[in-house]
Amino acid sequence: MRALICTAFAEPEALTVQTVPDPTPGPGEVVLDVRAAGVNYPDALMVMGQYQVKPPLPFTPGAEAAGVIAAVGEGVMHLRPGQRAVAFTGTGAFAEQLLAPASVVMPLPDGLELEVAAGLPLAYGTSMHALADRAQLQAGETLLVLGAAGGVGLAAVMIGKALGARVIAAASSEEKLELCREHGADETLNYAAENLRERLKTLTGGQGPDVIFDPVGGELAEPAFRSIGWGGRYLVVGFAGGEIPKLPLNLPLLKGASLVGVFWGEFARRDPPANARNMARLLGWVAEGKVRPLVSERYPLERTPEALRALLSRRVTGKVVVTP
């Protein structure tokens, strides 16, 4: 089979497509014929050696994939060859086939497109865990989403609406904000053209948002936290802006607010039943049309480095997938 190989921690352009042996499932494993693989910011960080997890070299990047099960190993009872499924493995998805533990493979309902399913585990799993579990977002609360047009941000906009929140989407251009409005945002904020704190004061009647979802970090973090409402929850999701911000610790004290870390991958590893419940709830919303995942671009395997570069340059809206 063909697979994208990382032989040294370097820029995405150093990745190459190589022919490698087809995988064979061992006990408790399955092989998935990959139809689409989601492209995520952590994938780019991982190939550059900048992620908190560093796989041994060489390795195939790609955290999530959807396709058709080709073979199952001994002891696998809930999956069968020919079944459509989605898997989250952390690595290995940018290939024609993916070897995965059966415990991280979920069968898919009829009617759900494989390209859509490929982008659900990380972005939508992260947003679901962040808002439902970590923030305990309640109906009627106000949610601010930074970087709202990206894959994880747009997921947070839709999931926030599904949970009954009033959603303020913040992004860097009117084009991105229009996309957020199309996917349910109640209000929008252009932080490239508007003062974030003044606009939030206007939009919230001076009260500030109850929950802030931040996958960006960088220079937006402190003014956003200074705008949070009393007893608010600030979700630390990621650092797509490139800089890990430093906050004065008197701010949580003065606001009676909480800084809440979100690490979905570790949550899914430690508590698979809770993650499965979240994914089942999410798939129900997708079936009902409450959540409408957007696949904005598709790349062949050979152009995966371009997809990763687009993510690093923050040129992506919605989800990008690789189609081996």
Protein backbone atom coordinates (compact mmCIF):
# COMPACT_ATOMS: atom_id res chain seq x y z
CA MET A 1 0.00 0.00 0.00
CA ARG A 2 0.98 3.66 -0.28
CA ALA A 3 1.56 5.69 2.87
CA LEU A 4 2.89 9.12 3.78
CA ILE A 5 6.12 8.68 5.74
CA CYS A 6 7.85 11.01 8.20
CA THR A 7 11.52 10.00 8.45
CA ALA A 8 12.72 13.04 10.46
CA PHE A 9 11.03 15.81 12.41
CA ALA A 10 10.90 18.61 9.87
CA GLU A 11 8.59 20.85 7.88
CA PRO A 12 5.59 19.11 6.21
CA GLU A 13 7.20 19.47 2.78
CA ALA A 14 9.77 16.83 3.80
CA LEU A 15 7.09 14.12 3.96
CA THR A 16 7.14 11.54 1.15
CA VAL A 17 4.72 8.92 -0.16
CA GLN A 18 6.26 5.45 -0.08
CA THR A 19 5.14 1.89 -0.77
CA VAL A 20 5.04 -0.15 2.44
CA PRO A 21 3.74 -3.65 3.30
CA ASP A 22 -0.01 -4.05 3.72
CA PRO A 23 -0.96 -4.33 7.42
CA THR A 24 -2.31 -7.56 8.93
CA PRO A 25 -4.55 -7.37 12.00
CA GLY A 26 -3.47 -9.10 15.18
CA PRO A 27 -5.76 -10.03 18.07
CA GLY A 28 -8.09 -7.17 18.90
CA GLU A 29 -7.15 -5.19 15.79
CA VAL A 30 -8.80 -4.21 12.51
CA VAL A 31 -7.55 -3.00 9.14
CA LEU A 32 -9.48 -0.12 7.60
CA ASP A 33 -9.43 0.71 3.89
CA VAL A 34 -9.09 4.48 4.20
CA ARG A 35 -11.48 6.52 2.08
CA ALA A 36 -10.80 9.83 3.85
CA ALA A 37 -8.50 11.03 6.63
CA GLY A 38 -9.06 14.22 8.60
CA VAL A 39 -6.25 16.80 8.60
CA ASN A 40 -5.63 18.48 11.94
CA TYR A 41 -3.28 21.05 13.46
CA PRO A 42 -1.70 18.46 15.79
CA ASP A 43 -0.73 16.40 12.71
CA ALA A 44 1.41 19.29 11.50
CA LEU A 45 2.94 19.84 14.93
CA MET A 46 3.72 16.13 15.22
CA VAL A 47 5.68 15.92 11.96
CA MET A 48 7.69 18.96 13.07
CA GLY A 49 8.43 17.43 16.48
CA GLN A 50 6.52 20.20 18.27
CA TYR A 51 3.60 18.16 19.65
CA GLN A 52 3.43 16.80 23.21
CA VAL A 53 3.60 13.29 21.73
CA LYS A 54 6.64 12.32 19.60
CA PRO A 55 6.17 8.98 17.79
CA PRO A 56 9.29 6.93 17.08
CA LEU A 57 10.66 7.53 13.59
CA PRO A 58 9.78 6.67 10.90
CA PHE A 59 6.01 6.95 11.19
CA THR A 60 2.89 7.74 9.18
CA PRO A 61 1.05 10.83 10.47
CA GLY A 62 -2.71 11.28 10.46
CA ALA A 63 -4.86 10.93 13.56
CA GLU A 64 -8.28 9.99 12.19
CA ALA A 65 -9.80 8.18 9.23
CA ALA A 66 -13.04 6.81 7.88
CA GLY A 67 -13.48 3.95 5.45
CA VAL A 68 -14.48 0.32 5.08
CA ILE A 69 -13.19 -2.47 7.31
CA ALA A 70 -10.99 -4.81 5.26
CA ALA A 71 -10.13 -7.40 7.93
CA VAL A 72 -10.56 -8.05 11.65
CA GLY A 73 -8.28 -9.88 14.07
CA GLU A 74 -9.05 -12.59 16.57
CA GLY A 75 -11.47 -11.58 19.30
CA VAL A 76 -13.07 -8.65 17.47
CA MET A 77 -16.81 -9.15 17.79
CA HIS A 78 -18.47 -5.75 17.23
CA LEU A 79 -16.93 -5.07 13.80
CA ARG A 80 -16.90 -7.05 10.55
CA PRO A 81 -15.34 -6.78 7.08
CA GLY A 82 -17.33 -4.58 4.73
CA GLN A 83 -18.62 -2.38 7.53
CA ARG A 84 -18.24 1.40 7.27
CA ALA A 85 -16.37 2.81 10.26
CA VAL A 86 -14.36 5.71 11.66
CA ALA A 87 -11.17 5.38 13.72
CA PHE A 88 -9.03 7.65 15.88
CA THR A 89 -5.49 6.30 16.24
CA GLY A 90 -3.28 9.37 16.68
CA THR A 91 -1.03 8.33 13.78
CA GLY A 92 -1.20 6.17 10.66
CA ALA A 93 -4.22 7.61 8.88
CA PHE A 94 -2.46 9.21 5.89
CA ALA A 95 -2.25 5.90 4.04
CA GLU A 96 -4.35 3.60 1.90
CA GLN A 97 -4.90 1.29 4.88
CA LEU A 98 -4.91 1.86 8.64
CA LEU A 99 -4.17 -0.72 11.33
CA ALA A 100 -6.15 0.17 14.45
CA PRO A 101 -7.13 -1.30 17.82
CA ALA A 102 -10.77 -2.31 17.59
CA SER A 103 -11.44 -0.27 20.74
CA VAL A 104 -10.90 3.01 18.83
CA VAL A 105 -13.02 2.05 15.81
CA MET A 106 -16.69 3.00 15.71
CA PRO A 107 -19.22 1.73 13.15
CA LEU A 108 -21.00 4.46 11.21
CA PRO A 109 -24.72 4.90 10.58
CA ASP A 110 -26.02 4.59 7.04
CA GLY A 111 -26.18 7.88 5.19
CA LEU A 112 -23.23 9.57 6.88
CA GLU A 113 -20.65 10.45 4.21
CA LEU A 114 -17.22 9.01 4.88
CA GLU A 115 -15.51 12.33 4.16
CA VAL A 116 -17.68 13.98 6.81
CA ALA A 117 -17.12 11.14 9.28
CA ALA A 118 -13.33 11.37 8.84
CA GLY A 119 -13.33 14.85 10.33
CA LEU A 120 -15.50 14.10 13.36
CA PRO A 121 -13.31 12.43 16.02
CA LEU A 122 -10.69 15.07 16.78
CA ALA A 123 -12.33 18.44 15.97
CA TYR A 124 -15.87 17.55 16.97
CA GLY A 125 -14.80 15.20 19.76
CA THR A 126 -12.62 17.98 21.19
CA SER A 127 -15.39 20.58 20.98
CA MET A 128 -17.97 18.22 22.45
CA HIS A 129 -15.71 17.27 25.37
CA ALA A 130 -14.74 20.92 25.94
CA LEU A 131 -18.25 22.35 25.99
CA ALA A 132 -20.31 19.52 27.46
CA ASP A 133 -17.82 17.99 29.92
CA ARG A 134 -15.21 20.59 30.81
CA ALA A 135 -17.29 23.80 30.65
CA GLN A 136 -20.65 22.25 31.53
CA LEU A 137 -22.17 24.76 29.08
CA GLN A 138 -25.82 25.40 29.90
CA ALA A 139 -28.72 26.47 27.68
CA GLY A 140 -29.05 30.24 27.72
CA GLU A 141 -25.38 30.92 28.52
CA THR A 142 -23.20 32.98 26.21
CA LEU A 143 -20.31 31.23 24.47
CA LEU A 144 -17.44 33.06 22.74
CA VAL A 145 -15.56 30.99 20.15
CA LEU A 146 -12.17 32.30 19.02
CA GLY A 147 -10.83 31.11 15.66
CA ALA A 148 -14.44 30.24 14.93
CA ALA A 149 -14.09 29.46 11.20
CA GLY A 150 -11.45 26.75 11.61
CA GLY A 151 -12.20 23.06 11.94
CA VAL A 152 -12.41 22.90 15.72
CA GLY A 153 -13.84 26.42 16.02
CA LEU A 154 -16.71 25.84 13.61
CA ALA A 155 -17.46 22.57 15.41
CA ALA A 156 -17.68 24.56 18.68
CA VAL A 157 -20.09 27.05 17.09
CA MET A 158 -22.46 24.27 16.02
CA ILE A 159 -22.16 22.22 19.21
CA GLY A 160 -22.67 25.34 21.31
CA LYS A 161 -25.91 26.03 19.46
CA ALA A 162 -27.00 22.39 19.83
CA LEU A 163 -26.47 22.75 23.61
CA GLY A 164 -28.71 25.83 23.63
CA ALA A 165 -26.10 28.57 24.09
CA ARG A 166 -26.00 32.04 22.57
CA VAL A 167 -22.88 31.88 20.38
CA ILE A 168 -20.55 34.76 19.54
CA ALA A 169 -18.16 33.72 16.75
CA ALA A 170 -14.84 35.58 16.50
CA ALA A 171 -12.60 35.36 13.42
CA SER A 172 -10.21 37.47 11.36
CA SER A 173 -12.26 38.28 8.23
CA GLU A 174 -15.81 38.98 7.12
CA GLU A 175 -15.67 35.94 4.82
CA LYS A 176 -14.94 33.68 7.78
CA LEU A 177 -17.64 35.33 9.89
CA GLU A 178 -20.23 34.79 7.16
CA LEU A 179 -19.40 31.09 7.28
CA CYS A 180 -19.96 31.14 11.05
CA ARG A 181 -23.35 32.82 10.61
CA GLU A 182 -24.33 30.17 8.07
CA HIS A 183 -23.61 27.52 10.72
CA GLY A 184 -25.62 29.11 13.50
CA ALA A 185 -23.59 31.89 15.15
CA ASP A 186 -25.88 34.46 16.78
CA GLU A 187 -23.32 37.28 16.78
CA THR A 188 -19.92 37.81 15.18
CA LEU A 189 -16.73 39.70 16.02
CA ASN A 190 -13.93 40.56 13.60
CA TYR A 191 -10.85 40.78 15.80
CA ALA A 192 -8.73 41.99 12.88
CA ALA A 193 -10.90 45.11 12.51
CA GLU A 194 -12.63 45.57 15.90
CA ASN A 195 -11.49 46.01 19.48
CA LEU A 196 -12.25 42.63 21.02
CA ARG A 197 -12.99 43.91 24.53
CA GLU A 198 -15.20 46.80 23.43
CA ARG A 199 -17.16 44.64 20.99
CA LEU A 200 -17.71 41.95 23.64
CA LYS A 201 -18.88 44.56 26.11
CA THR A 202 -21.46 45.72 23.57
CA LEU A 203 -22.59 42.21 22.63
CA THR A 204 -22.98 41.04 26.23
CA GLY A 205 -24.37 44.21 27.82
CA GLY A 206 -21.18 44.53 29.83
CA GLN A 207 -21.59 41.10 31.44
CA GLY A 208 -19.01 39.21 29.37
CA PRO A 209 -19.30 35.66 27.98
CA ASP A 210 -19.91 32.75 30.34
CA VAL A 211 -17.62 30.41 28.42
CA ILE A 212 -14.67 31.18 26.12
CA PHE A 213 -13.47 28.47 23.72
CA ASP A 214 -9.88 29.25 22.68
CA PRO A 215 -8.01 27.10 20.13
CA VAL A 216 -5.86 30.09 19.09
CA GLY A 217 -3.89 31.38 22.09
CA GLY A 218 -1.41 34.13 21.25
CA GLU A 219 -2.24 37.81 21.74
CA LEU A 220 -6.01 37.24 21.90
CA ALA A 221 -5.93 35.25 25.13
CA GLU A 222 -5.42 38.02 27.68
CA PRO A 223 -7.97 40.54 26.32
CA ALA A 224 -10.46 37.69 25.94
CA PHE A 225 -9.93 36.54 29.52
CA ARG A 226 -10.22 40.13 30.78
CA SER A 227 -13.67 40.20 29.12
CA ILE A 228 -15.00 36.98 30.67
CA GLY A 229 -18.08 37.10 32.88
CA TRP A 230 -18.15 36.43 36.61
CA GLY A 231 -17.71 32.72 37.27
CA GLY A 232 -16.80 32.15 33.63
CA ARG A 233 -14.88 29.18 32.23
CA TYR A 234 -11.98 29.75 29.84
CA LEU A 235 -11.28 26.64 27.77
CA VAL A 236 -7.62 26.20 26.79
CA VAL A 237 -7.93 24.11 23.61
CA GLY A 238 -4.82 24.85 21.57
CA PHE A 239 -2.38 27.39 20.21
CA ALA A 240 -3.03 27.77 16.48
CA GLY A 241 -1.77 31.35 16.76
CA GLY A 242 1.69 29.89 17.40
CA GLU A 243 2.38 31.53 20.76
CA ILE A 244 1.53 29.97 24.12
CA PRO A 245 0.19 32.93 26.11
CA LYS A 246 0.97 33.80 29.72
CA LEU A 247 -1.86 35.16 31.87
CA PRO A 248 -1.54 37.18 35.09
CA LEU A 249 -2.98 34.89 37.77
CA ASN A 250 -4.83 37.76 39.44
CA LEU A 251 -7.33 37.69 36.54
CA PRO A 252 -9.00 34.38 37.47
CA LEU A 253 -9.20 35.66 41.06
CA LEU A 254 -10.80 38.97 40.13
CA LYS A 255 -13.30 37.31 37.82
CA GLY A 256 -14.04 34.29 40.01
CA ALA A 257 -13.28 32.46 36.78
CA SER A 258 -11.71 29.14 35.86
CA LEU A 259 -8.94 28.24 33.41
CA VAL A 260 -9.91 24.80 32.11
CA GLY A 261 -7.58 22.57 30.11
CA VAL A 262 -8.99 20.48 27.25
CA PHE A 263 -7.03 17.41 26.08
CA TRP A 264 -9.55 15.28 24.22
CA GLY A 265 -7.10 12.58 23.14
CA GLU A 266 -6.13 11.78 26.71
CA PHE A 267 -9.78 11.93 27.82
CA ALA A 268 -10.74 9.45 25.10
CA ARG A 269 -7.91 7.13 26.15
CA ARG A 270 -8.74 7.28 29.86
CA ASP A 271 -12.54 7.12 29.60
CA PRO A 272 -13.63 5.36 26.37
CA PRO A 273 -17.27 4.86 27.51
CA ALA A 274 -17.73 8.58 28.17
CA ASN A 275 -16.16 9.44 24.82
CA ALA A 276 -18.43 6.93 23.09
CA ARG A 277 -21.46 8.55 24.71
CA ASN A 278 -20.33 11.96 23.48
CA MET A 279 -19.81 10.64 19.94
CA ALA A 280 -23.22 8.94 19.93
CA ARG A 281 -24.85 12.21 20.99
CA LEU A 282 -22.92 14.06 18.32
CA LEU A 283 -23.89 11.58 15.59
CA GLY A 284 -27.51 12.05 16.65
CA TRP A 285 -27.21 15.80 16.14
CA VAL A 286 -25.61 15.23 12.73
CA ALA A 287 -28.50 12.95 11.74
CA GLU A 288 -31.02 15.55 12.92
CA GLY A 289 -29.25 18.35 11.03
CA LYS A 290 -28.45 20.31 14.20
CA VAL A 291 -24.75 19.90 13.45
CA ARG A 292 -23.71 20.20 9.78
CA PRO A 293 -19.99 19.41 9.42
CA LEU A 294 -18.30 21.28 6.60
CA VAL A 295 -15.64 19.58 4.46
CA SER A 296 -14.12 22.53 2.66
CA GLU A 297 -11.21 20.95 0.76
CA ARG A 298 -10.01 17.52 -0.36
CA TYR A 299 -6.40 16.61 -1.13
CA PRO A 300 -4.92 13.45 -2.67
CA LEU A 301 -2.32 11.64 -0.58
CA GLU A 302 0.62 13.17 -2.48
CA ARG A 303 -0.56 16.70 -1.62
CA THR A 304 -0.95 16.13 2.12
CA PRO A 305 2.02 18.46 2.85
CA GLU A 306 0.06 21.26 1.15
CA ALA A 307 -2.93 20.55 3.38
CA LEU A 308 -0.76 20.68 6.50
CA ARG A 309 0.86 23.92 5.35
CA ALA A 310 -2.58 25.48 4.76
CA LEU A 311 -3.50 24.59 8.35
CA LEU A 312 -0.29 26.06 9.74
CA SER A 313 -0.93 29.26 7.76
CA ARG A 314 -4.50 29.44 9.12
CA ARG A 315 -5.94 29.52 5.60
CA VAL A 316 -8.41 26.69 6.30
CA THR A 317 -12.11 26.99 7.03
CA GLY A 318 -14.10 23.99 8.20
CA LYS A 319 -12.43 20.60 7.80
CA VAL A 320 -9.85 19.45 5.28
CA VAL A 321 -9.51 15.77 4.37
CA VAL A 322 -7.00 13.61 2.52
CA THR A 323 -8.49 11.01 0.17
CA PRO A 324 -5.98 8.19 -0.38
